[in-house]
Amino acid sequence: MKTFKPSALTAALLVGGMQLSVFSSLVMAQEAPQAPAQEVETADIEVIQIKGFRRSLIESLNVKRFADTVVEAVSADDMGALPDVSIADSISRLPGVTAVRTGGQSSELNIRGLSGNFVFATLNGRELVSNQGGRSVQFDQYPSELINSAQVYKSQKASLIEGGVAGTIELKTANPLLNDKEHTFNVQVRGSYNDTASEHPDADEFGSRLSFAYQGKFLDNTLGLGFGYARLDQPNISTQFVNSQPRCGLLPYDGPAVTSDVDCDGNAVAGGAKKYIVPTSFNLNARGGKELRDGYVGTFTFMPTQTLTWSGDAFYSKFDSERKDRGIFFDGLGALIDGPNFGFTKPVLSGANNDVIVGGIYSGNPTGNAVQAPLPGGRIPMGFQLTSDDRTVNSEVLSVGSNLNLVFDDLSVSFDVSHSTGKSIYLDSVVRMALFDDARADFPLATNDYSVQYELNGLNLPTIAIDAASLAGLSDPNRMMVTALERYPNREKNEATSAKLDFNYAIDGDYISSIEAGVRWAERTHDFDRKMYRYGSDGDFLDRRNGKWVSSWDLTDPDNPVIRQAFAPYLLQPGDYSIMNIGGEMAQYGDFLAVNNQQIENAWLLSNGVDTSAGKSWANAWSFLESNIVTETTFAGYAQANLDMAVGNMQLYGNVGVRVIRSEQRSTGLQSSPEPGTGDCITDDFGVESCNYDAVEQGIDYTDVLPSMNLNLKMTDEDQLRFAVARVMARPEMPDMRVGGSWDFTRVEQGIRYADLNANTSPALKPFYAVQYDLSYEHYFTETEGAIVAALFYKDIKSTVQQTSQQDFNFASVGIDVPAVNPETGVPVTSGNYSAKFNNAEGGYIRGVELAYTQTFGFLPEPFNGLGFTGNVSYTESELKNEFTAVQGGAPESSPLPGLSKVVWSAAVFYDYNDVFSTRVNVRYRDDNIGNQISLGQSQQAFFKEELIVDYQASYQFNDTFQGVFSVSNITDEPNMSYFGEEYNTGTIQYYGRQYYVGVNAKF
């Protein structure tokens, strides 16, 4: 076998890297990708003892340098020894990787322009599932203190588990037998402070982080044991302005002139009203709460002989994210299109056609003659609400596995079993209060004599001026009453179980160093369950939230109507409420009342015998239809040749292989019966029976062949060229694979009546495929530590998922039974079209370039020799488009893929002094991108504005045992901002505050 002899400096770095401490994590890591055997001669080499942040950079560069794939890495020092809240913060600094902030914290990770749905994640080589949100793993679930390293595979090889079109993120924990001491015990204690949390009644500005870890070796270093625990307790806060998606329509009144001469569908307008885009509602919220995360890890590694290794590990994390939103909600602005029951004056227009209303004065009763709710005829098209939302998410993940490895001369055999579970419960409950003239009157009347000046200001906070009397009423318990209690909890559970058998046979050949082969069986399930509860009837519920608390009148005598049904609002009592202000830059919007949801529920409903349990309801059929179980079973086999050969005086190594996967996916749920009343009779949790749906199981089977090749040419000791090509896949989101839909028998062509099925999901959805190419050049410095890396990548996407109609669909291939006749007429019908989510034939490219530069300046005179810099920049473009509806009722627009930021960069300037003091500033930037913003529990796509996140860390080594640490996250309090199509149509503006940490690390 051809070997490659590294330079003296390279060898020193490698040996130094082997001596790095692994105390920050505990569980045995899977072996890194195999590189060629290295004959490192160290007799005359002075080993460089490298410490601090510089050490972690060199270790990460070594992983990249000697990997057989295109890979980026983060070492233990860059994670466990620094105050990142989760591993997402650390990984998001790597080239081409960006983070999506959830509640101000990095959570989902995007790679090379593709969102987290296309990112595959593993822990110690085993598939991870998400605790919520489909396939995208929420990386904030994983404490940085318990992870030893992370690698981002940007190219695929046959031995890697399939699933990452964007890339594969491999998290690793440590093998205790590799610890440099017999026993180590490490403790980290930190206090935290958020500089805006004091403005929130549900948040404490102070928090803490605690972790400890133990690793020990026993039985003459044949048994390694380890365990660790990490706890995070910090405030969960933000201040939010949320503008709901605007609405398009023809105004039925003589409004201000516009230049637009088409309606919302692009049709010509023949005089009269013309097209306008109008606001619909807005929220002003203060989010407060607590984030409490407990993470545990444990492991054993038993190696009684050089040929047998048995290991087992477990990782568990429980993350309770309390989210209490208190604020002002102003609804009904979009009723302007339906025929206003309120006044609208002084419009402010924007847009190329001057047809976008971004402001004006809204008056509830401009003439003084409007009937007040809840009197007969009283309407509430627009009005104030004070909302108290509990959007708390309680989640947990568990990953367990065991591995048995046997070595027989040149053959090694590995058998691995694992199980991963992620589950969450999203509470989603809300208490609403409406504004009344006199809450203590015998018959309270909703206030309709109000006015609001509302004007958007692009990506700055809007102008909101409420009339003085109404503004004062928002903080007056004599005018605000509780009118609604709602609960929409959902439960999600994801599970993955797998077993795999791998073989590696070493070959002493001129071209091939070893042959790998293996098989893997896996089963993954997604179980989603929806429930709901609303106090009172559903028919007039939306009006009642604003004060129409009488649901039914006897109008026999119109002058003296009699109440037949009412759901009287709750009069607040002393101790039920507090007066709060959003604070910060939003303090200008005034004070309002805040309540405790559970206290109100107890006093208003539970104490009066009202059952407020949430359940499935046929009054809201979505609580049944969105509840579904999707199962995915795969059987994969692979073969891979690992290459190592001489090309002249250069070395070429890498791998070539193929992976074959047989997949079976099944979805179980409800589908509309062809004839109402003939389906499976199901009783909801409130005693109502429906026979309009069939319980069905549908799905497909398919086989994929994924060839791959990775070639690495070492031209000199310092220079190497990489090329990789592979066919890759990412399976669709499991919620998109739900059964569902309803039959339509109205289409008749040439005398034939067809049965068409209309749905917005499909159990026939197949994976997202691409052929990807990577080319990179790496130069490693010899006179100092560091490297320059330039990479090109190209992904040839074969299809995208899109809502479309498949003509003359073969329903039997999916397991869908087609009705034989039209149930209403008895006329025979023929299988027709299937409108659902499908893999269309419209592909395209994603391509880009990445540049990375790392440099330490040890050649400078003291004290400047501790300086260093690391940075990277990525540019990505794609011809793939996303159908994006920026305006309700408007035509879809073409936008970039969700999660695609054209420009992404990160940089760090660091300084290490005499192995005692270390400090650095990190900066992360991502360009505009498409994402989801949340408004009233519904997901809305919007453009997110570019953002620049600045963090600072420092540490001081007091002695061999104790180290002090200090850090600041989000130094500039960078807001999260979005907009609908154009910046003048504001989406969200959210501030999270700065987070300070100070603490001590101890190593014994």
Foldseek 3Di string as FASTA:
>chain_A
DDEDEFDLVVLLLVVLLLQDAQQLAEAAAADAADFDDYDYDPPPHDRDNDDDPVNQVSNQVVSCVRHQARKGKGFLCLFQVFPQLFCQVSVCFDFQKHFDDDLNHGFFIFGQFHGQLQEWEEESLHGAQDQDDFRRHGRSLHHSSHWGMKMWGCFDAQPHDFAHPRTYIYTYGHYLLSGPDQKKKWKWKKKKAFPCQVQDPAADRIWIKIKMKMWHADDVSQKIKMKMKIKTKHKRKWWKKFFDFWFKAWQQDPDDDWQDQAGQARHGDDDGTHMATETFKMKTKIKIHIKIKMKMKIKMWGHPDPFKIKMKMKIKMKIKTKIKIWTKMKGQRNCSRVPDQWDWDDFDFDDPGRRYTQWTKIALHVPVPADWAPAVPHFPNIFMKIKIWTFMKIKMKMKIKMKMWGDDPQKIKMKMKMKMKIKMKTKTKMWMKAFWPFQPDPDTTGDRGWMWIWGFDFQDDIDIDIPPVVLVRQADLRTIWTQKIKIKMKMKMKMKIKIKMKMWGADPDQWFGIKIKMKMKMKMKIWMAIWMFIPDDDPCVVRRSHPNFQDDWDCPPVVDIDGDDGDDTHRDDPPFWDKRASDDPRNVSHIHIDGDVVVCCVVRPVVVPHDGDIWADPVPNCSQQLGKMKMKIKMKMKMKTWTWHDDDPKIKTHMWMKMKMKMWMKMWGKEFDLDFPCEDWDAIPVGDIGRGIHTDMWAAIDMDMKIKIKMWIGPDSFKIKIKIKMKGWHFDGRSLLHDYFYWDQPDADPRATAIETEDAHHNYAGIWIWIKMKIKMKGADDVFGKIKMKMKMKIWTQWDKDFDKDFQDPVVNTPDDDDQANVVPRHGHHYTMYGYIYTDRDIWMKIKMKIKIWGQQLVDDPPRNQKIKIKMKMAIDIPDWDFADSHHSHGTDTDRDASGFGMWMKMKIKGDGPSFKIKMKIKIKTAKGWDWDDDPNDTHIWIKHIWMWMKMKMKGHPDPFKMKIKMKTRVVQIWIWTARPDSSRTGMTMGNGMMIMIIMMGMD
